[in-house]
Amino acid sequence: MSYNLMPPEDVERMFRRMELVRPDTSAVRRKFLGCPYGEDKRQALDIYLPGDGAGPFPVVIFIHGGAWMSGHRADAQLAPFLPGIERGYAVLSLGYRLIPNIRWPENLFDIKSA
């Protein structure tokens, strides 16, 4: 019995569009992009910090959608979380390895590692 709600091709097509649009983060003065936490290039995170203050800051953790098969830490899904920076929050955007290159629950382990 299969529990797939959408064929993988449809999921890929739907989320591929979001990967093509990247929010403009040029106004964020303090950011650290592509910080690795594992050996795979997708095991990286982006850190966006408020412009002022030494911290510690409260943190919003963003994990992109994509049914574990697509998406990127810097795609369009990140945009609604960026205004938190102006309110004094740090925003962490996590990347993780995707299916079919790995098997579940390895991508969940990636998130826990980050």
PDB file of N, CA and C in Angstrom:
ATOM      1  N   MET A   1       0.837  -1.177   0.000  1.00  0.00           N
ATOM      2  CA  MET A   1       0.000   0.000   0.000  1.00  0.00           C
ATOM      3  C   MET A   1       0.885   1.243   0.000  1.00  0.00           C
ATOM      4  N   SER A   2       0.570   2.199  -0.860  1.00  0.00           N
ATOM      5  CA  SER A   2       1.345   3.426  -0.974  1.00  0.00           C
ATOM      6  C   SER A   2       0.561   4.595  -0.391  1.00  0.00           C
ATOM      7  N   TYR A   3       1.284   5.484   0.303  1.00  0.00           N
ATOM      8  CA  TYR A   3       0.653   6.646   0.901  1.00  0.00           C
ATOM      9  C   TYR A   3       1.055   7.936   0.207  1.00  0.00           C
ATOM     10  N   ASN A   4       1.618   7.849  -0.991  1.00  0.00           N
ATOM     11  CA  ASN A   4       2.010   9.045  -1.719  1.00  0.00           C
ATOM     12  C   ASN A   4       0.766   9.813  -2.134  1.00  0.00           C
ATOM     13  N   LEU A   5       0.674  11.062  -1.727  1.00  0.00           N
ATOM     14  CA  LEU A   5      -0.454  11.887  -2.107  1.00  0.00           C
ATOM     15  C   LEU A   5      -0.287  12.481  -3.490  1.00  0.00           C
ATOM     16  N   MET A   6       0.953  12.697  -3.878  1.00  0.00           N
ATOM     17  CA  MET A   6       1.251  13.233  -5.208  1.00  0.00           C
ATOM     18  C   MET A   6       2.386  12.418  -5.799  1.00  0.00           C
ATOM     19  N   PRO A   7       2.350  12.209  -7.099  1.00  0.00           N
ATOM     20  CA  PRO A   7       3.495  11.549  -7.729  1.00  0.00           C
ATOM     21  C   PRO A   7       4.750  12.394  -7.538  1.00  0.00           C
ATOM     22  N   PRO A   8       5.895  11.755  -7.355  1.00  0.00           N
ATOM     23  CA  PRO A   8       7.141  12.513  -7.131  1.00  0.00           C
ATOM     24  C   PRO A   8       7.422  13.557  -8.207  1.00  0.00           C
ATOM     25  N   GLU A   9       7.029  13.294  -9.456  1.00  0.00           N
ATOM     26  CA  GLU A   9       7.267  14.259 -10.530  1.00  0.00           C
ATOM     27  C   GLU A   9       6.482  15.545 -10.290  1.00  0.00           C
ATOM     28  N   ASP A  10       5.247  15.410  -9.765  1.00  0.00           N
ATOM     29  CA  ASP A  10       4.437  16.596  -9.483  1.00  0.00           C
ATOM     30  C   ASP A  10       5.015  17.404  -8.326  1.00  0.00           C
ATOM     31  N   VAL A  11       5.504  16.718  -7.309  1.00  0.00           N
ATOM     32  CA  VAL A  11       6.137  17.405  -6.179  1.00  0.00           C
ATOM     33  C   VAL A  11       7.357  18.166  -6.671  1.00  0.00           C
ATOM     34  N   GLU A  12       8.164  17.515  -7.470  1.00  0.00           N
ATOM     35  CA  GLU A  12       9.377  18.142  -8.014  1.00  0.00           C
ATOM     36  C   GLU A  12       9.023  19.381  -8.827  1.00  0.00           C
ATOM     37  N   ARG A  13       8.038  19.279  -9.695  1.00  0.00           N
ATOM     38  CA  ARG A  13       7.635  20.393 -10.546  1.00  0.00           C
ATOM     39  C   ARG A  13       7.108  21.567  -9.693  1.00  0.00           C
ATOM     40  N   MET A  14       6.326  21.253  -8.665  1.00  0.00           N
ATOM     41  CA  MET A  14       5.747  22.289  -7.819  1.00  0.00           C
ATOM     42  C   MET A  14       6.820  23.053  -7.048  1.00  0.00           C
ATOM     43  N   PHE A  15       7.749  22.342  -6.423  1.00  0.00           N
ATOM     44  CA  PHE A  15       8.752  23.008  -5.596  1.00  0.00           C
ATOM     45  C   PHE A  15       9.926  23.547  -6.399  1.00  0.00           C
ATOM     46  N   ARG A  16      10.149  23.068  -7.615  1.00  0.00           N
ATOM     47  CA  ARG A  16      11.237  23.574  -8.453  1.00  0.00           C
ATOM     48  C   ARG A  16      11.034  25.065  -8.721  1.00  0.00           C
ATOM     49  N   ARG A  17       9.782  25.489  -8.872  1.00  0.00           N
ATOM     50  CA  ARG A  17       9.509  26.906  -9.118  1.00  0.00           C
ATOM     51  C   ARG A  17       9.982  27.766  -7.954  1.00  0.00           C
ATOM     52  N   MET A  18       9.803  27.273  -6.730  1.00  0.00           N
ATOM     53  CA  MET A  18      10.217  28.055  -5.556  1.00  0.00           C
ATOM     54  C   MET A  18      11.722  28.161  -5.469  1.00  0.00           C
ATOM     55  N   GLU A  19      12.435  27.152  -5.946  1.00  0.00           N
ATOM     56  CA  GLU A  19      13.892  27.199  -5.906  1.00  0.00           C
ATOM     57  C   GLU A  19      14.446  28.262  -6.845  1.00  0.00           C
ATOM     58  N   LEU A  20      13.687  28.586  -7.883  1.00  0.00           N
ATOM     59  CA  LEU A  20      14.162  29.554  -8.866  1.00  0.00           C
ATOM     60  C   LEU A  20      14.066  30.986  -8.357  1.00  0.00           C
ATOM     61  N   VAL A  21      13.218  31.213  -7.364  1.00  0.00           N
ATOM     62  CA  VAL A  21      13.038  32.555  -6.807  1.00  0.00           C
ATOM     63  C   VAL A  21      13.760  32.617  -5.472  1.00  0.00           C
ATOM     64  N   ARG A  22      14.693  33.522  -5.357  1.00  0.00           N
ATOM     65  CA  ARG A  22      15.452  33.702  -4.121  1.00  0.00           C
ATOM     66  C   ARG A  22      15.103  35.061  -3.529  1.00  0.00           C
ATOM     67  N   PRO A  23      14.755  35.111  -2.245  1.00  0.00           N
ATOM     68  CA  PRO A  23      14.488  36.416  -1.637  1.00  0.00           C
ATOM     69  C   PRO A  23      15.751  37.270  -1.597  1.00  0.00           C
ATOM     70  N   ASP A  24      15.570  38.565  -1.699  1.00  0.00           N
ATOM     71  CA  ASP A  24      16.690  39.500  -1.655  1.00  0.00           C
ATOM     72  C   ASP A  24      17.128  39.687  -0.205  1.00  0.00           C
ATOM     73  N   THR A  25      18.321  39.236   0.120  1.00  0.00           N
ATOM     74  CA  THR A  25      18.848  39.375   1.483  1.00  0.00           C
ATOM     75  C   THR A  25      19.992  40.394   1.535  1.00  0.00           C
ATOM     76  N   SER A  26      20.101  41.216   0.503  1.00  0.00           N
ATOM     77  CA  SER A  26      21.214  42.167   0.451  1.00  0.00           C
ATOM     78  C   SER A  26      21.152  43.195   1.582  1.00  0.00           C
ATOM     79  N   ALA A  27      19.972  43.466   2.119  1.00  0.00           N
ATOM     80  CA  ALA A  27      19.845  44.448   3.204  1.00  0.00           C
ATOM     81  C   ALA A  27      20.264  43.869   4.560  1.00  0.00           C
ATOM     82  N   VAL A  28      20.403  42.571   4.643  1.00  0.00           N
ATOM     83  CA  VAL A  28      20.814  41.949   5.903  1.00  0.00           C
ATOM     84  C   VAL A  28      22.327  42.125   6.029  1.00  0.00           C
ATOM     85  N   ARG A  29      22.748  42.922   7.004  1.00  0.00           N
ATOM     86  CA  ARG A  29      24.174  43.247   7.137  1.00  0.00           C
ATOM     87  C   ARG A  29      24.986  42.094   7.699  1.00  0.00           C
ATOM     88  N   ARG A  30      24.421  41.378   8.659  1.00  0.00           N
ATOM     89  CA  ARG A  30      25.171  40.293   9.299  1.00  0.00           C
ATOM     90  C   ARG A  30      24.547  38.959   8.902  1.00  0.00           C
ATOM     91  N   LYS A  31      25.246  38.263   8.026  1.00  0.00           N
ATOM     92  CA  LYS A  31      24.776  36.953   7.579  1.00  0.00           C
ATOM     93  C   LYS A  31      25.969  36.059   7.305  1.00  0.00           C
ATOM     94  N   PHE A  32      25.760  34.789   7.548  1.00  0.00           N
ATOM     95  CA  PHE A  32      26.776  33.770   7.314  1.00  0.00           C
ATOM     96  C   PHE A  32      26.108  32.704   6.468  1.00  0.00           C
ATOM     97  N   LEU A  33      26.522  32.614   5.214  1.00  0.00           N
ATOM     98  CA  LEU A  33      25.840  31.748   4.257  1.00  0.00           C
ATOM     99  C   LEU A  33      26.649  30.485   3.984  1.00  0.00           C
ATOM    100  N   GLY A  34      25.932  29.384   3.853  1.00  0.00           N
ATOM    101  CA  GLY A  34      26.572  28.122   3.488  1.00  0.00           C
ATOM    102  C   GLY A  34      27.458  27.536   4.559  1.00  0.00           C
ATOM    103  N   CYS A  35      27.103  27.710   5.822  1.00  0.00           N
ATOM    104  CA  CYS A  35      27.900  27.156   6.928  1.00  0.00           C
ATOM    105  C   CYS A  35      27.707  25.641   6.973  1.00  0.00           C
ATOM    106  N   PRO A  36      28.758  24.873   6.715  1.00  0.00           N
ATOM    107  CA  PRO A  36      28.591  23.412   6.670  1.00  0.00           C
ATOM    108  C   PRO A  36      28.418  22.810   8.064  1.00  0.00           C
ATOM    109  N   TYR A  37      27.602  21.769   8.131  1.00  0.00           N
ATOM    110  CA  TYR A  37      27.487  20.984   9.363  1.00  0.00           C
ATOM    111  C   TYR A  37      27.631  19.490   9.063  1.00  0.00           C
ATOM    112  N   GLY A  38      27.943  19.159   7.819  1.00  0.00           N
ATOM    113  CA  GLY A  38      28.143  17.768   7.410  1.00  0.00           C
ATOM    114  C   GLY A  38      29.006  17.733   6.161  1.00  0.00           C
ATOM    115  N   GLU A  39      29.199  16.553   5.620  1.00  0.00           N
ATOM    116  CA  GLU A  39      30.090  16.384   4.467  1.00  0.00           C
ATOM    117  C   GLU A  39      29.424  16.705   3.138  1.00  0.00           C
ATOM    118  N   ASP A  40      28.118  16.505   3.016  1.00  0.00           N
ATOM    119  CA  ASP A  40      27.393  16.754   1.770  1.00  0.00           C
ATOM    120  C   ASP A  40      27.175  18.256   1.587  1.00  0.00           C
ATOM    121  N   LYS A  41      27.184  18.731   0.339  1.00  0.00           N
ATOM    122  CA  LYS A  41      27.015  20.170   0.095  1.00  0.00           C
ATOM    123  C   LYS A  41      25.652  20.676   0.540  1.00  0.00           C
ATOM    124  N   ARG A  42      24.648  19.826   0.594  1.00  0.00           N
ATOM    125  CA  ARG A  42      23.315  20.232   1.069  1.00  0.00           C
ATOM    126  C   ARG A  42      23.245  20.305   2.594  1.00  0.00           C
ATOM    127  N   GLN A  43      24.221  19.778   3.284  1.00  0.00           N
ATOM    128  CA  GLN A  43      24.267  19.856   4.749  1.00  0.00           C
ATOM    129  C   GLN A  43      24.935  21.167   5.144  1.00  0.00           C
ATOM    130  N   ALA A  44      24.181  22.235   4.953  1.00  0.00           N
ATOM    131  CA  ALA A  44      24.678  23.577   5.255  1.00  0.00           C
ATOM    132  C   ALA A  44      23.515  24.412   5.759  1.00  0.00           C
ATOM    133  N   LEU A  45      23.854  25.490   6.451  1.00  0.00           N
ATOM    134  CA  LEU A  45      22.813  26.387   6.932  1.00  0.00           C
ATOM    135  C   LEU A  45      23.238  27.824   6.723  1.00  0.00           C
ATOM    136  N   ASP A  46      22.247  28.694   6.666  1.00  0.00           N
ATOM    137  CA  ASP A  46      22.475  30.131   6.544  1.00  0.00           C
ATOM    138  C   ASP A  46      22.015  30.777   7.838  1.00  0.00           C
ATOM    139  N   ILE A  47      22.807  31.715   8.335  1.00  0.00           N
ATOM    140  CA  ILE A  47      22.504  32.417   9.577  1.00  0.00           C
ATOM    141  C   ILE A  47      22.337  33.898   9.249  1.00  0.00           C
ATOM    142  N   TYR A  48      21.189  34.440   9.624  1.00  0.00           N
ATOM    143  CA  TYR A  48      20.899  35.856   9.443  1.00  0.00           C
ATOM    144  C   TYR A  48      20.711  36.464  10.837  1.00  0.00           C
ATOM    145  N   LEU A  49      21.493  37.498  11.155  1.00  0.00           N
ATOM    146  CA  LEU A  49      21.447  38.117  12.474  1.00  0.00           C
ATOM    147  C   LEU A  49      20.913  39.546  12.380  1.00  0.00           C
ATOM    148  N   PRO A  50      20.268  40.017  13.461  1.00  0.00           N
ATOM    149  CA  PRO A  50      19.848  41.419  13.484  1.00  0.00           C
ATOM    150  C   PRO A  50      21.049  42.345  13.289  1.00  0.00           C
ATOM    151  N   GLY A  51      20.792  43.530  12.769  1.00  0.00           N
ATOM    152  CA  GLY A  51      21.868  44.473  12.486  1.00  0.00           C
ATOM    153  C   GLY A  51      22.569  45.010  13.710  1.00  0.00           C
ATOM    154  N   ASP A  52      21.857  45.075  14.832  1.00  0.00           N
ATOM    155  CA  ASP A  52      22.433  45.646  16.044  1.00  0.00           C
ATOM    156  C   ASP A  52      22.363  44.646  17.183  1.00  0.00           C
ATOM    157  N   GLY A  53      23.285  44.798  18.120  1.00  0.00           N
ATOM    158  CA  GLY A  53      23.275  43.973  19.321  1.00  0.00           C
ATOM    159  C   GLY A  53      24.248  42.821  19.239  1.00  0.00           C
ATOM    160  N   ALA A  54      24.687  42.402  20.420  1.00  0.00           N
ATOM    161  CA  ALA A  54      25.652  41.314  20.504  1.00  0.00           C
ATOM    162  C   ALA A  54      24.983  39.970  20.762  1.00  0.00           C
ATOM    163  N   GLY A  55      23.682  39.989  21.021  1.00  0.00           N
ATOM    164  CA  GLY A  55      23.005  38.736  21.314  1.00  0.00           C
ATOM    165  C   GLY A  55      23.215  38.353  22.761  1.00  0.00           C
ATOM    166  N   PRO A  56      22.741  37.250  23.200  1.00  0.00           N
ATOM    167  CA  PRO A  56      22.085  36.233  22.374  1.00  0.00           C
ATOM    168  C   PRO A  56      20.729  36.713  21.865  1.00  0.00           C
ATOM    169  N   PHE A  57      20.326  36.168  20.716  1.00  0.00           N
ATOM    170  CA  PHE A  57      19.075  36.521  20.076  1.00  0.00           C
ATOM    171  C   PHE A  57      18.117  35.336  20.134  1.00  0.00           C
ATOM    172  N   PRO A  58      16.814  35.608  20.228  1.00  0.00           N
ATOM    173  CA  PRO A  58      15.869  34.511  20.019  1.00  0.00           C
ATOM    174  C   PRO A  58      16.002  34.054  18.563  1.00  0.00           C
ATOM    175  N   VAL A  59      15.704  32.805  18.296  1.00  0.00           N
ATOM    176  CA  VAL A  59      15.972  32.227  16.977  1.00  0.00           C
ATOM    177  C   VAL A  59      14.699  31.697  16.342  1.00  0.00           C
ATOM    178  N   VAL A  60      14.543  31.988  15.063  1.00  0.00           N
ATOM    179  CA  VAL A  60      13.522  31.368  14.221  1.00  0.00           C
ATOM    180  C   VAL A  60      14.261  30.376  13.336  1.00  0.00           C
ATOM    181  N   ILE A  61      13.863  29.114  13.385  1.00  0.00           N
ATOM    182  CA  ILE A  61      14.499  28.085  12.553  1.00  0.00           C
ATOM    183  C   ILE A  61      13.582  27.789  11.382  1.00  0.00           C
ATOM    184  N   PHE A  62      14.099  27.984  10.181  1.00  0.00           N
ATOM    185  CA  PHE A  62      13.345  27.729   8.961  1.00  0.00           C
ATOM    186  C   PHE A  62      13.850  26.438   8.322  1.00  0.00           C
ATOM    187  N   ILE A  63      12.927  25.524   8.061  1.00  0.00           N
ATOM    188  CA  ILE A  63      13.228  24.261   7.356  1.00  0.00           C
ATOM    189  C   ILE A  63      12.349  24.244   6.115  1.00  0.00           C
ATOM    190  N   HIS A  64      12.966  24.312   4.958  1.00  0.00           N
ATOM    191  CA  HIS A  64      12.198  24.416   3.713  1.00  0.00           C
ATOM    192  C   HIS A  64      11.350  23.171   3.467  1.00  0.00           C
ATOM    193  N   GLY A  65      10.233  23.406   2.779  1.00  0.00           N
ATOM    194  CA  GLY A  65       9.364  22.307   2.369  1.00  0.00           C
ATOM    195  C   GLY A  65       9.831  21.709   1.062  1.00  0.00           C
ATOM    196  N   GLY A  66       9.208  20.618   0.685  1.00  0.00           N
ATOM    197  CA  GLY A  66       9.542  19.968  -0.576  1.00  0.00           C
ATOM    198  C   GLY A  66       9.370  18.466  -0.510  1.00  0.00           C
ATOM    199  N   ALA A  67       8.622  18.001   0.498  1.00  0.00           N
ATOM    200  CA  ALA A  67       8.335  16.571   0.651  1.00  0.00           C
ATOM    201  C   ALA A  67       9.612  15.741   0.732  1.00  0.00           C
ATOM    202  N   TRP A  68      10.665  16.331   1.297  1.00  0.00           N
ATOM    203  CA  TRP A  68      11.970  15.688   1.462  1.00  0.00           C
ATOM    204  C   TRP A  68      12.647  15.396   0.131  1.00  0.00           C
ATOM    205  N   MET A  69      12.046  15.843  -1.002  1.00  0.00           N
ATOM    206  CA  MET A  69      12.581  15.513  -2.319  1.00  0.00           C
ATOM    207  C   MET A  69      13.116  16.719  -3.083  1.00  0.00           C
ATOM    208  N   SER A  70      12.766  17.929  -2.663  1.00  0.00           N
ATOM    209  CA  SER A  70      13.232  19.115  -3.379  1.00  0.00           C
ATOM    210  C   SER A  70      13.199  20.303  -2.435  1.00  0.00           C
ATOM    211  N   GLY A  71      13.607  21.444  -2.940  1.00  0.00           N
ATOM    212  CA  GLY A  71      13.660  22.656  -2.139  1.00  0.00           C
ATOM    213  C   GLY A  71      15.091  23.027  -1.798  1.00  0.00           C
ATOM    214  N   HIS A  72      15.252  24.248  -1.296  1.00  0.00           N
ATOM    215  CA  HIS A  72      16.573  24.758  -0.951  1.00  0.00           C
ATOM    216  C   HIS A  72      16.438  25.741   0.199  1.00  0.00           C
ATOM    217  N   ARG A  73      17.456  25.828   1.008  1.00  0.00           N
ATOM    218  CA  ARG A  73      17.404  26.687   2.202  1.00  0.00           C
ATOM    219  C   ARG A  73      17.251  28.164   1.858  1.00  0.00           C
ATOM    220  N   ALA A  74      17.574  28.579   0.629  1.00  0.00           N
ATOM    221  CA  ALA A  74      17.496  29.993   0.258  1.00  0.00           C
ATOM    222  C   ALA A  74      16.398  30.262  -0.769  1.00  0.00           C
ATOM    223  N   ASP A  75      15.424  29.359  -0.885  1.00  0.00           N
ATOM    224  CA  ASP A  75      14.392  29.572  -1.901  1.00  0.00           C
ATOM    225  C   ASP A  75      13.286  30.493  -1.400  1.00  0.00           C
ATOM    226  N   ALA A  76      12.255  30.677  -2.202  1.00  0.00           N
ATOM    227  CA  ALA A  76      11.190  31.643  -1.928  1.00  0.00           C
ATOM    228  C   ALA A  76      10.483  31.401  -0.600  1.00  0.00           C
ATOM    229  N   GLN A  77      10.501  30.192  -0.096  1.00  0.00           N
ATOM    230  CA  GLN A  77       9.821  29.893   1.160  1.00  0.00           C
ATOM    231  C   GLN A  77      10.432  30.626   2.350  1.00  0.00           C
ATOM    232  N   LEU A  78      11.659  31.077   2.221  1.00  0.00           N
ATOM    233  CA  LEU A  78      12.353  31.787   3.295  1.00  0.00           C
ATOM    234  C   LEU A  78      11.806  33.199   3.513  1.00  0.00           C
ATOM    235  N   ALA A  79      11.262  33.813   2.479  1.00  0.00           N
ATOM    236  CA  ALA A  79      10.869  35.229   2.507  1.00  0.00           C
ATOM    237  C   ALA A  79       9.996  35.622   3.702  1.00  0.00           C
ATOM    238  N   PRO A  80       8.969  34.873   4.082  1.00  0.00           N
ATOM    239  CA  PRO A  80       8.132  35.320   5.204  1.00  0.00           C
ATOM    240  C   PRO A  80       8.853  35.345   6.554  1.00  0.00           C
ATOM    241  N   PHE A  81       9.983  34.685   6.657  1.00  0.00           N
ATOM    242  CA  PHE A  81      10.705  34.611   7.928  1.00  0.00           C
ATOM    243  C   PHE A  81      11.724  35.743   8.094  1.00  0.00           C
ATOM    244  N   LEU A  82      12.153  36.340   7.005  1.00  0.00           N
ATOM    245  CA  LEU A  82      13.188  37.373   7.068  1.00  0.00           C
ATOM    246  C   LEU A  82      12.792  38.632   7.832  1.00  0.00           C
ATOM    247  N   PRO A  83      11.535  39.076   7.829  1.00  0.00           N
ATOM    248  CA  PRO A  83      11.186  40.254   8.638  1.00  0.00           C
ATOM    249  C   PRO A  83      11.445  40.074  10.140  1.00  0.00           C
ATOM    250  N   GLY A  84      11.578  38.843  10.593  1.00  0.00           N
ATOM    251  CA  GLY A  84      11.918  38.602  11.996  1.00  0.00           C
ATOM    252  C   GLY A  84      13.248  39.214  12.381  1.00  0.00           C
ATOM    253  N   ILE A  85      14.149  39.362  11.431  1.00  0.00           N
ATOM    254  CA  ILE A  85      15.459  39.950  11.700  1.00  0.00           C
ATOM    255  C   ILE A  85      15.294  41.387  12.190  1.00  0.00           C
ATOM    256  N   GLU A  86      14.379  42.133  11.571  1.00  0.00           N
ATOM    257  CA  GLU A  86      14.130  43.521  11.969  1.00  0.00           C
ATOM    258  C   GLU A  86      13.494  43.604  13.353  1.00  0.00           C
ATOM    259  N   ARG A  87      12.921  42.520  13.819  1.00  0.00           N
ATOM    260  CA  ARG A  87      12.277  42.490  15.137  1.00  0.00           C
ATOM    261  C   ARG A  87      13.199  41.917  16.209  1.00  0.00           C
ATOM    262  N   GLY A  88      14.466  41.700  15.856  1.00  0.00           N
ATOM    263  CA  GLY A  88      15.436  41.245  16.842  1.00  0.00           C
ATOM    264  C   GLY A  88      15.653  39.749  16.896  1.00  0.00           C
ATOM    265  N   TYR A  89      15.126  39.006  15.926  1.00  0.00           N
ATOM    266  CA  TYR A  89      15.312  37.560  15.885  1.00  0.00           C
ATOM    267  C   TYR A  89      16.455  37.200  14.940  1.00  0.00           C
ATOM    268  N   ALA A  90      17.186  36.161  15.291  1.00  0.00           N
ATOM    269  CA  ALA A  90      18.109  35.543  14.344  1.00  0.00           C
ATOM    270  C   ALA A  90      17.295  34.525  13.543  1.00  0.00           C
ATOM    271  N   VAL A  91      17.605  34.387  12.276  1.00  0.00           N
ATOM    272  CA  VAL A  91      16.920  33.411  11.425  1.00  0.00           C
ATOM    273  C   VAL A  91      17.955  32.416  10.931  1.00  0.00           C
ATOM    274  N   LEU A  92      17.706  31.141  11.211  1.00  0.00           N
ATOM    275  CA  LEU A  92      18.547  30.063  10.714  1.00  0.00           C
ATOM    276  C   LEU A  92      17.771  29.313   9.649  1.00  0.00           C
ATOM    277  N   SER A  93      18.350  29.170   8.482  1.00  0.00           N
ATOM    278  CA  SER A  93      17.724  28.458   7.377  1.00  0.00           C
ATOM    279  C   SER A  93      18.527  27.187   7.127  1.00  0.00           C
ATOM    280  N   LEU A  94      17.883  26.052   7.352  1.00  0.00           N
ATOM    281  CA  LEU A  94      18.579  24.765   7.296  1.00  0.00           C
ATOM    282  C   LEU A  94      18.425  24.096   5.939  1.00  0.00           C
ATOM    283  N   GLY A  95      19.521  23.570   5.432  1.00  0.00           N
ATOM    284  CA  GLY A  95      19.495  22.712   4.260  1.00  0.00           C
ATOM    285  C   GLY A  95      19.696  21.276   4.709  1.00  0.00           C
ATOM    286  N   TYR A  96      19.220  20.339   3.916  1.00  0.00           N
ATOM    287  CA  TYR A  96      19.366  18.921   4.255  1.00  0.00           C
ATOM    288  C   TYR A  96      19.416  18.102   2.971  1.00  0.00           C
ATOM    289  N   ARG A  97      19.928  16.892   3.084  1.00  0.00           N
ATOM    290  CA  ARG A  97      20.020  16.002   1.927  1.00  0.00           C
ATOM    291  C   ARG A  97      18.615  15.554   1.511  1.00  0.00           C
ATOM    292  N   LEU A  98      18.463  15.301   0.209  1.00  0.00           N
ATOM    293  CA  LEU A  98      17.150  15.003  -0.353  1.00  0.00           C
ATOM    294  C   LEU A  98      17.037  13.559  -0.829  1.00  0.00           C
ATOM    295  N   ILE A  99      15.813  13.062  -0.799  1.00  0.00           N
ATOM    296  CA  ILE A  99      15.468  11.775  -1.400  1.00  0.00           C
ATOM    297  C   ILE A  99      15.478  11.991  -2.908  1.00  0.00           C
ATOM    298  N   PRO A 100      15.949  11.144  -3.773  1.00  0.00           N
ATOM    299  CA  PRO A 100      16.318   9.743  -3.569  1.00  0.00           C
ATOM    300  C   PRO A 100      17.792   9.523  -3.282  1.00  0.00           C
ATOM    301  N   ASN A 101      18.578  10.599  -3.085  1.00  0.00           N
ATOM    302  CA  ASN A 101      20.003  10.429  -2.810  1.00  0.00           C
ATOM    303  C   ASN A 101      20.256   9.770  -1.464  1.00  0.00           C
ATOM    304  N   ILE A 102      19.305   9.889  -0.571  1.00  0.00           N
ATOM    305  CA  ILE A 102      19.379   9.242   0.742  1.00  0.00           C
ATOM    306  C   ILE A 102      18.016   8.626   1.027  1.00  0.00           C
ATOM    307  N   ARG A 103      17.930   7.926   2.137  1.00  0.00           N
ATOM    308  CA  ARG A 103      16.656   7.330   2.547  1.00  0.00           C
ATOM    309  C   ARG A 103      16.203   7.955   3.856  1.00  0.00           C
ATOM    310  N   TRP A 104      14.886   8.041   4.017  1.00  0.00           N
ATOM    311  CA  TRP A 104      14.294   8.479   5.281  1.00  0.00           C
ATOM    312  C   TRP A 104      14.793   7.548   6.354  1.00  0.00           C
ATOM    313  N   PRO A 105      15.171   7.948   7.503  1.00  0.00           N
ATOM    314  CA  PRO A 105      15.077   9.259   8.138  1.00  0.00           C
ATOM    315  C   PRO A 105      16.387  10.029   8.136  1.00  0.00           C
ATOM    316  N   GLU A 106      17.284   9.743   7.185  1.00  0.00           N
ATOM    317  CA  GLU A 106      18.579  10.444   7.180  1.00  0.00           C
ATOM    318  C   GLU A 106      18.421  11.958   7.073  1.00  0.00           C
ATOM    319  N   ASN A 107      17.418  12.426   6.300  1.00  0.00           N
ATOM    320  CA  ASN A 107      17.220  13.865   6.192  1.00  0.00           C
ATOM    321  C   ASN A 107      16.740  14.458   7.512  1.00  0.00           C
ATOM    322  N   LEU A 108      15.970  13.723   8.276  1.00  0.00           N
ATOM    323  CA  LEU A 108      15.572  14.173   9.602  1.00  0.00           C
ATOM    324  C   LEU A 108      16.792  14.245  10.530  1.00  0.00           C
ATOM    325  N   PHE A 109      17.694  13.289  10.394  1.00  0.00           N
ATOM    326  CA  PHE A 109      18.933  13.326  11.174  1.00  0.00           C
ATOM    327  C   PHE A 109      19.769  14.550  10.807  1.00  0.00           C
ATOM    328  N   ASP A 110      19.744  14.938   9.525  1.00  0.00           N
ATOM    329  CA  ASP A 110      20.449  16.150   9.098  1.00  0.00           C
ATOM    330  C   ASP A 110      19.918  17.366   9.855  1.00  0.00           C
ATOM    331  N   ILE A 111      18.613  17.488   9.939  1.00  0.00           N
ATOM    332  CA  ILE A 111      18.004  18.622  10.620  1.00  0.00           C
ATOM    333  C   ILE A 111      18.381  18.625  12.099  1.00  0.00           C
ATOM    334  N   LYS A 112      18.355  17.470  12.707  1.00  0.00           N
ATOM    335  CA  LYS A 112      18.740  17.393  14.112  1.00  0.00           C
ATOM    336  C   LYS A 112      20.210  17.758  14.293  1.00  0.00           C
ATOM    337  N   SER A 113      21.069  17.365  13.354  1.00  0.00           N
ATOM    338  CA  SER A 113      22.484  17.709  13.439  1.00  0.00           C
ATOM    339  C   SER A 113      22.722  19.205  13.320  1.00  0.00           C
ATOM    340  N   ALA A 114      21.982  19.825  12.420  1.00  0.00           N
ATOM    341  CA  ALA A 114      22.143  21.274  12.230  1.00  0.00           C
ATOM    342  C   ALA A 114      21.766  22.012  13.489  1.00  0.00           C
TER     343      ALA A 114
END
